[in-house]
Amino acid sequence: DISGQNVDWIVEDFDKNGSLVVLCDFGTITFTDASASAGSSTVVLTNGDIVDITQASEGLTATTIDSSTSITVTYQ
């Protein structure tokens, strides 16, 4: 059972000296064959939450769950 655990597929911005750096235009990134398991329990993407990147109230990414094992993140 993996309840209460976190599984992440991450495209993220970071900060330097306490300020966010400019997020580069990375185009589109697709994670495929993505799943997590522990014992006989498996977590698939369709059960997850999407958290897109925003800076100064501006959305910088758009994320779609393509299937139970594929997710696409696009720079906006």
PDB file of N, CA and C in Angstrom:
ATOM      1  N   ASP A   1       0.854  -1.194   0.000  1.00  0.00           N
ATOM      2  CA  ASP A   1       0.000   0.000   0.000  1.00  0.00           C
ATOM      3  C   ASP A   1       0.888   1.241   0.000  1.00  0.00           C
ATOM      4  N   ILE A   2       0.631   2.186  -0.897  1.00  0.00           N
ATOM      5  CA  ILE A   2       1.430   3.413  -0.925  1.00  0.00           C
ATOM      6  C   ILE A   2       0.610   4.640  -0.558  1.00  0.00           C
ATOM      7  N   SER A   3      -0.553   4.409   0.085  1.00  0.00           N
ATOM      8  CA  SER A   3      -1.362   5.558   0.506  1.00  0.00           C
ATOM      9  C   SER A   3      -0.567   6.422   1.476  1.00  0.00           C
ATOM     10  N   GLY A   4      -0.777   7.721   1.374  1.00  0.00           N
ATOM     11  CA  GLY A   4      -0.056   8.658   2.237  1.00  0.00           C
ATOM     12  C   GLY A   4       1.342   8.987   1.749  1.00  0.00           C
ATOM     13  N   GLN A   5       1.752   8.421   0.632  1.00  0.00           N
ATOM     14  CA  GLN A   5       3.075   8.683   0.066  1.00  0.00           C
ATOM     15  C   GLN A   5       2.934   9.621  -1.128  1.00  0.00           C
ATOM     16  N   ASN A   6       3.998  10.297  -1.473  1.00  0.00           N
ATOM     17  CA  ASN A   6       4.011  11.195  -2.631  1.00  0.00           C
ATOM     18  C   ASN A   6       4.824  10.579  -3.754  1.00  0.00           C
ATOM     19  N   VAL A   7       4.313  10.715  -4.955  1.00  0.00           N
ATOM     20  CA  VAL A   7       5.014  10.317  -6.164  1.00  0.00           C
ATOM     21  C   VAL A   7       4.953  11.521  -7.088  1.00  0.00           C
ATOM     22  N   ASP A   8       6.104  11.965  -7.605  1.00  0.00           N
ATOM     23  CA  ASP A   8       6.147  13.184  -8.400  1.00  0.00           C
ATOM     24  C   ASP A   8       6.861  12.964  -9.724  1.00  0.00           C
ATOM     25  N   TRP A   9       6.292  13.562 -10.772  1.00  0.00           N
ATOM     26  CA  TRP A   9       6.965  13.744 -12.056  1.00  0.00           C
ATOM     27  C   TRP A   9       7.047  15.257 -12.189  1.00  0.00           C
ATOM     28  N   ILE A  10       8.260  15.802 -12.167  1.00  0.00           N
ATOM     29  CA  ILE A  10       8.411  17.241 -11.941  1.00  0.00           C
ATOM     30  C   ILE A  10       9.140  17.947 -13.079  1.00  0.00           C
ATOM     31  N   VAL A  11       8.548  19.062 -13.513  1.00  0.00           N
ATOM     32  CA  VAL A  11       9.227  20.097 -14.283  1.00  0.00           C
ATOM     33  C   VAL A  11       9.083  21.316 -13.400  1.00  0.00           C
ATOM     34  N   GLU A  12      10.183  21.881 -12.928  1.00  0.00           N
ATOM     35  CA  GLU A  12      10.032  22.955 -11.953  1.00  0.00           C
ATOM     36  C   GLU A  12      10.977  24.127 -12.184  1.00  0.00           C
ATOM     37  N   ASP A  13      10.551  25.246 -11.648  1.00  0.00           N
ATOM     38  CA  ASP A  13      11.356  26.454 -11.599  1.00  0.00           C
ATOM     39  C   ASP A  13      12.114  26.422 -10.277  1.00  0.00           C
ATOM     40  N   PHE A  14      13.144  27.198 -10.162  1.00  0.00           N
ATOM     41  CA  PHE A  14      13.881  27.233  -8.904  1.00  0.00           C
ATOM     42  C   PHE A  14      14.279  28.668  -8.592  1.00  0.00           C
ATOM     43  N   ASP A  15      14.754  28.855  -7.379  1.00  0.00           N
ATOM     44  CA  ASP A  15      15.191  30.210  -7.022  1.00  0.00           C
ATOM     45  C   ASP A  15      16.692  30.234  -6.782  1.00  0.00           C
ATOM     46  N   LYS A  16      17.241  31.428  -6.931  1.00  0.00           N
ATOM     47  CA  LYS A  16      18.653  31.677  -6.691  1.00  0.00           C
ATOM     48  C   LYS A  16      18.741  32.925  -5.833  1.00  0.00           C
ATOM     49  N   ASN A  17      19.408  32.821  -4.720  1.00  0.00           N
ATOM     50  CA  ASN A  17      19.552  33.929  -3.779  1.00  0.00           C
ATOM     51  C   ASN A  17      18.201  34.496  -3.356  1.00  0.00           C
ATOM     52  N   GLY A  18      17.200  33.604  -3.195  1.00  0.00           N
ATOM     53  CA  GLY A  18      15.894  34.015  -2.705  1.00  0.00           C
ATOM     54  C   GLY A  18      14.933  34.546  -3.754  1.00  0.00           C
ATOM     55  N   SER A  19      15.324  34.595  -5.020  1.00  0.00           N
ATOM     56  CA  SER A  19      14.434  35.067  -6.088  1.00  0.00           C
ATOM     57  C   SER A  19      14.315  33.989  -7.160  1.00  0.00           C
ATOM     58  N   LEU A  20      13.105  33.871  -7.725  1.00  0.00           N
ATOM     59  CA  LEU A  20      12.918  32.907  -8.800  1.00  0.00           C
ATOM     60  C   LEU A  20      13.718  33.314 -10.026  1.00  0.00           C
ATOM     61  N   VAL A  21      14.343  32.342 -10.661  1.00  0.00           N
ATOM     62  CA  VAL A  21      15.036  32.612 -11.915  1.00  0.00           C
ATOM     63  C   VAL A  21      13.993  32.627 -13.031  1.00  0.00           C
ATOM     64  N   VAL A  22      14.340  33.186 -14.173  1.00  0.00           N
ATOM     65  CA  VAL A  22      13.436  33.199 -15.319  1.00  0.00           C
ATOM     66  C   VAL A  22      13.313  31.769 -15.829  1.00  0.00           C
ATOM     67  N   LEU A  23      12.089  31.320 -15.977  1.00  0.00           N
ATOM     68  CA  LEU A  23      11.857  29.971 -16.487  1.00  0.00           C
ATOM     69  C   LEU A  23      12.118  29.960 -17.983  1.00  0.00           C
ATOM     70  N   CYS A  24      12.973  29.054 -18.432  1.00  0.00           N
ATOM     71  CA  CYS A  24      13.289  28.989 -19.861  1.00  0.00           C
ATOM     72  C   CYS A  24      12.140  28.351 -20.630  1.00  0.00           C
ATOM     73  N   ASP A  25      12.037  28.682 -21.888  1.00  0.00           N
ATOM     74  CA  ASP A  25      11.035  28.084 -22.768  1.00  0.00           C
ATOM     75  C   ASP A  25      11.522  26.688 -23.133  1.00  0.00           C
ATOM     76  N   PHE A  26      11.024  25.691 -22.437  1.00  0.00           N
ATOM     77  CA  PHE A  26      11.462  24.318 -22.660  1.00  0.00           C
ATOM     78  C   PHE A  26      10.615  23.595 -23.703  1.00  0.00           C
ATOM     79  N   GLY A  27       9.647  24.302 -24.281  1.00  0.00           N
ATOM     80  CA  GLY A  27       8.801  23.674 -25.298  1.00  0.00           C
ATOM     81  C   GLY A  27       7.812  22.727 -24.665  1.00  0.00           C
ATOM     82  N   THR A  28       7.849  21.471 -25.059  1.00  0.00           N
ATOM     83  CA  THR A  28       6.952  20.454 -24.533  1.00  0.00           C
ATOM     84  C   THR A  28       7.753  19.257 -24.041  1.00  0.00           C
ATOM     85  N   ILE A  29       7.397  18.781 -22.865  1.00  0.00           N
ATOM     86  CA  ILE A  29       8.026  17.602 -22.280  1.00  0.00           C
ATOM     87  C   ILE A  29       6.926  16.585 -22.009  1.00  0.00           C
ATOM     88  N   THR A  30       7.141  15.349 -22.435  1.00  0.00           N
ATOM     89  CA  THR A  30       6.170  14.291 -22.174  1.00  0.00           C
ATOM     90  C   THR A  30       6.838  13.183 -21.359  1.00  0.00           C
ATOM     91  N   PHE A  31       6.218  12.850 -20.236  1.00  0.00           N
ATOM     92  CA  PHE A  31       6.634  11.712 -19.431  1.00  0.00           C
ATOM     93  C   PHE A  31       5.784  10.528 -19.883  1.00  0.00           C
ATOM     94  N   THR A  32       6.415   9.409 -20.250  1.00  0.00           N
ATOM     95  CA  THR A  32       5.675   8.230 -20.693  1.00  0.00           C
ATOM     96  C   THR A  32       6.025   7.043 -19.806  1.00  0.00           C
ATOM     97  N   ASP A  33       5.180   6.048 -19.820  1.00  0.00           N
ATOM     98  CA  ASP A  33       5.373   4.843 -18.999  1.00  0.00           C
ATOM     99  C   ASP A  33       5.579   5.202 -17.533  1.00  0.00           C
ATOM    100  N   ALA A  34       4.859   6.218 -17.062  1.00  0.00           N
ATOM    101  CA  ALA A  34       5.016   6.714 -15.693  1.00  0.00           C
ATOM    102  C   ALA A  34       3.988   6.057 -14.769  1.00  0.00           C
ATOM    103  N   SER A  35       4.484   5.394 -13.742  1.00  0.00           N
ATOM    104  CA  SER A  35       3.634   4.841 -12.697  1.00  0.00           C
ATOM    105  C   SER A  35       4.512   4.604 -11.483  1.00  0.00           C
ATOM    106  N   ALA A  36       3.888   4.342 -10.381  1.00  0.00           N
ATOM    107  CA  ALA A  36       4.629   4.037  -9.157  1.00  0.00           C
ATOM    108  C   ALA A  36       3.939   2.874  -8.475  1.00  0.00           C
ATOM    109  N   SER A  37       4.731   2.016  -7.856  1.00  0.00           N
ATOM    110  CA  SER A  37       4.125   0.877  -7.179  1.00  0.00           C
ATOM    111  C   SER A  37       4.913   0.518  -5.933  1.00  0.00           C
ATOM    112  N   ALA A  38       4.202  -0.086  -5.019  1.00  0.00           N
ATOM    113  CA  ALA A  38       4.800  -0.634  -3.798  1.00  0.00           C
ATOM    114  C   ALA A  38       4.023  -1.907  -3.495  1.00  0.00           C
ATOM    115  N   GLY A  39       4.715  -3.003  -3.509  1.00  0.00           N
ATOM    116  CA  GLY A  39       4.016  -4.271  -3.315  1.00  0.00           C
ATOM    117  C   GLY A  39       3.036  -4.503  -4.440  1.00  0.00           C
ATOM    118  N   SER A  40       1.781  -4.730  -4.091  1.00  0.00           N
ATOM    119  CA  SER A  40       0.766  -4.980  -5.106  1.00  0.00           C
ATOM    120  C   SER A  40      -0.036  -3.732  -5.467  1.00  0.00           C
ATOM    121  N   SER A  41       0.284  -2.574  -4.877  1.00  0.00           N
ATOM    122  CA  SER A  41      -0.435  -1.329  -5.150  1.00  0.00           C
ATOM    123  C   SER A  41       0.282  -0.520  -6.213  1.00  0.00           C
ATOM    124  N   THR A  42      -0.489   0.033  -7.147  1.00  0.00           N
ATOM    125  CA  THR A  42       0.058   0.869  -8.208  1.00  0.00           C
ATOM    126  C   THR A  42      -0.712   2.184  -8.263  1.00  0.00           C
ATOM    127  N   VAL A  43       0.027   3.277  -8.445  1.00  0.00           N
ATOM    128  CA  VAL A  43      -0.570   4.598  -8.612  1.00  0.00           C
ATOM    129  C   VAL A  43      -0.378   4.997 -10.064  1.00  0.00           C
ATOM    130  N   VAL A  44      -1.450   5.470 -10.701  1.00  0.00           N
ATOM    131  CA  VAL A  44      -1.362   5.931 -12.075  1.00  0.00           C
ATOM    132  C   VAL A  44      -1.654   7.424 -12.116  1.00  0.00           C
ATOM    133  N   LEU A  45      -1.269   8.066 -13.190  1.00  0.00           N
ATOM    134  CA  LEU A  45      -1.359   9.525 -13.303  1.00  0.00           C
ATOM    135  C   LEU A  45      -2.776  10.059 -13.234  1.00  0.00           C
ATOM    136  N   THR A  46      -3.746   9.318 -13.730  1.00  0.00           N
ATOM    137  CA  THR A  46      -5.117   9.822 -13.757  1.00  0.00           C
ATOM    138  C   THR A  46      -5.689  10.045 -12.360  1.00  0.00           C
ATOM    139  N   ASN A  47      -5.044   9.510 -11.334  1.00  0.00           N
ATOM    140  CA  ASN A  47      -5.487   9.715  -9.957  1.00  0.00           C
ATOM    141  C   ASN A  47      -4.752  10.869  -9.278  1.00  0.00           C
ATOM    142  N   GLY A  48      -3.889  11.553 -10.005  1.00  0.00           N
ATOM    143  CA  GLY A  48      -3.043  12.586  -9.412  1.00  0.00           C
ATOM    144  C   GLY A  48      -3.586  13.991  -9.545  1.00  0.00           C
ATOM    145  N   ASP A  49      -2.862  14.919  -8.947  1.00  0.00           N
ATOM    146  CA  ASP A  49      -3.175  16.340  -9.016  1.00  0.00           C
ATOM    147  C   ASP A  49      -2.149  17.035  -9.895  1.00  0.00           C
ATOM    148  N   ILE A  50      -2.600  18.011 -10.675  1.00  0.00           N
ATOM    149  CA  ILE A  50      -1.716  18.820 -11.517  1.00  0.00           C
ATOM    150  C   ILE A  50      -1.457  20.141 -10.805  1.00  0.00           C
ATOM    151  N   VAL A  51      -0.180  20.520 -10.736  1.00  0.00           N
ATOM    152  CA  VAL A  51       0.203  21.825 -10.199  1.00  0.00           C
ATOM    153  C   VAL A  51       1.063  22.494 -11.262  1.00  0.00           C
ATOM    154  N   ASP A  52       0.499  23.484 -11.959  1.00  0.00           N
ATOM    155  CA  ASP A  52       1.253  24.203 -12.985  1.00  0.00           C
ATOM    156  C   ASP A  52       2.072  25.323 -12.365  1.00  0.00           C
ATOM    157  N   ILE A  53       3.113  25.753 -13.068  1.00  0.00           N
ATOM    158  CA  ILE A  53       4.006  26.810 -12.596  1.00  0.00           C
ATOM    159  C   ILE A  53       3.403  28.172 -12.910  1.00  0.00           C
ATOM    160  N   THR A  54       3.350  29.030 -11.912  1.00  0.00           N
ATOM    161  CA  THR A  54       2.936  30.423 -12.100  1.00  0.00           C
ATOM    162  C   THR A  54       3.969  31.332 -11.459  1.00  0.00           C
ATOM    163  N   GLN A  55       4.155  32.494 -12.046  1.00  0.00           N
ATOM    164  CA  GLN A  55       5.003  33.546 -11.484  1.00  0.00           C
ATOM    165  C   GLN A  55       4.251  34.853 -11.658  1.00  0.00           C
ATOM    166  N   ALA A  56       4.152  35.622 -10.586  1.00  0.00           N
ATOM    167  CA  ALA A  56       3.450  36.913 -10.607  1.00  0.00           C
ATOM    168  C   ALA A  56       2.053  36.748 -11.221  1.00  0.00           C
ATOM    169  N   SER A  57       1.345  35.730 -10.799  1.00  0.00           N
ATOM    170  CA  SER A  57      -0.021  35.425 -11.256  1.00  0.00           C
ATOM    171  C   SER A  57      -0.125  35.063 -12.736  1.00  0.00           C
ATOM    172  N   GLU A  58       0.981  34.814 -13.396  1.00  0.00           N
ATOM    173  CA  GLU A  58       0.978  34.428 -14.807  1.00  0.00           C
ATOM    174  C   GLU A  58       1.258  32.933 -14.924  1.00  0.00           C
ATOM    175  N   GLY A  59       0.367  32.210 -15.605  1.00  0.00           N
ATOM    176  CA  GLY A  59       0.575  30.784 -15.824  1.00  0.00           C
ATOM    177  C   GLY A  59       1.694  30.554 -16.819  1.00  0.00           C
ATOM    178  N   LEU A  60       2.699  29.773 -16.427  1.00  0.00           N
ATOM    179  CA  LEU A  60       3.841  29.528 -17.304  1.00  0.00           C
ATOM    180  C   LEU A  60       3.839  28.136 -17.919  1.00  0.00           C
ATOM    181  N   THR A  61       3.038  27.230 -17.350  1.00  0.00           N
ATOM    182  CA  THR A  61       2.960  25.886 -17.911  1.00  0.00           C
ATOM    183  C   THR A  61       1.498  25.452 -18.033  1.00  0.00           C
ATOM    184  N   ALA A  62       1.279  24.538 -18.952  1.00  0.00           N
ATOM    185  CA  ALA A  62      -0.024  23.890 -19.105  1.00  0.00           C
ATOM    186  C   ALA A  62       0.244  22.389 -19.127  1.00  0.00           C
ATOM    187  N   THR A  63      -0.422  21.677 -18.245  1.00  0.00           N
ATOM    188  CA  THR A  63      -0.171  20.252 -18.102  1.00  0.00           C
ATOM    189  C   THR A  63      -1.434  19.472 -18.430  1.00  0.00           C
ATOM    190  N   THR A  64      -1.262  18.386 -19.179  1.00  0.00           N
ATOM    191  CA  THR A  64      -2.380  17.509 -19.484  1.00  0.00           C
ATOM    192  C   THR A  64      -2.001  16.074 -19.156  1.00  0.00           C
ATOM    193  N   ILE A  65      -2.962  15.356 -18.620  1.00  0.00           N
ATOM    194  CA  ILE A  65      -2.785  13.928 -18.409  1.00  0.00           C
ATOM    195  C   ILE A  65      -3.308  13.251 -19.669  1.00  0.00           C
ATOM    196  N   ASP A  66      -2.409  12.627 -20.403  1.00  0.00           N
ATOM    197  CA  ASP A  66      -2.758  12.021 -21.684  1.00  0.00           C
ATOM    198  C   ASP A  66      -3.361  10.633 -21.530  1.00  0.00           C
ATOM    199  N   SER A  67      -2.909   9.915 -20.517  1.00  0.00           N
ATOM    200  CA  SER A  67      -3.404   8.570 -20.244  1.00  0.00           C
ATOM    201  C   SER A  67      -3.017   8.221 -18.813  1.00  0.00           C
ATOM    202  N   SER A  68      -3.263   7.004 -18.414  1.00  0.00           N
ATOM    203  CA  SER A  68      -2.920   6.601 -17.049  1.00  0.00           C
ATOM    204  C   SER A  68      -1.414   6.548 -16.816  1.00  0.00           C
ATOM    205  N   THR A  69      -0.604   6.571 -17.888  1.00  0.00           N
ATOM    206  CA  THR A  69       0.853   6.509 -17.735  1.00  0.00           C
ATOM    207  C   THR A  69       1.604   7.570 -18.532  1.00  0.00           C
ATOM    208  N   SER A  70       0.896   8.601 -19.035  1.00  0.00           N
ATOM    209  CA  SER A  70       1.549   9.628 -19.846  1.00  0.00           C
ATOM    210  C   SER A  70       1.023  10.997 -19.469  1.00  0.00           C
ATOM    211  N   ILE A  71       1.951  11.950 -19.293  1.00  0.00           N
ATOM    212  CA  ILE A  71       1.593  13.327 -18.941  1.00  0.00           C
ATOM    213  C   ILE A  71       2.462  14.273 -19.760  1.00  0.00           C
ATOM    214  N   THR A  72       1.866  15.373 -20.237  1.00  0.00           N
ATOM    215  CA  THR A  72       2.586  16.355 -21.054  1.00  0.00           C
ATOM    216  C   THR A  72       2.564  17.713 -20.387  1.00  0.00           C
ATOM    217  N   VAL A  73       3.736  18.351 -20.331  1.00  0.00           N
ATOM    218  CA  VAL A  73       3.880  19.692 -19.769  1.00  0.00           C
ATOM    219  C   VAL A  73       4.382  20.599 -20.888  1.00  0.00           C
ATOM    220  N   THR A  74       3.663  21.721 -21.120  1.00  0.00           N
ATOM    221  CA  THR A  74       4.018  22.651 -22.198  1.00  0.00           C
ATOM    222  C   THR A  74       4.264  24.033 -21.613  1.00  0.00           C
ATOM    223  N   TYR A  75       5.370  24.650 -22.040  1.00  0.00           N
ATOM    224  CA  TYR A  75       5.664  26.028 -21.666  1.00  0.00           C
ATOM    225  C   TYR A  75       4.682  26.935 -22.388  1.00  0.00           C
ATOM    226  N   GLN A  76       4.131  27.924 -21.676  1.00  0.00           N
ATOM    227  CA  GLN A  76       3.155  28.838 -22.275  1.00  0.00           C
ATOM    228  C   GLN A  76       3.800  30.160 -22.617  1.00  0.00           C
TER     229      GLN A  76
END
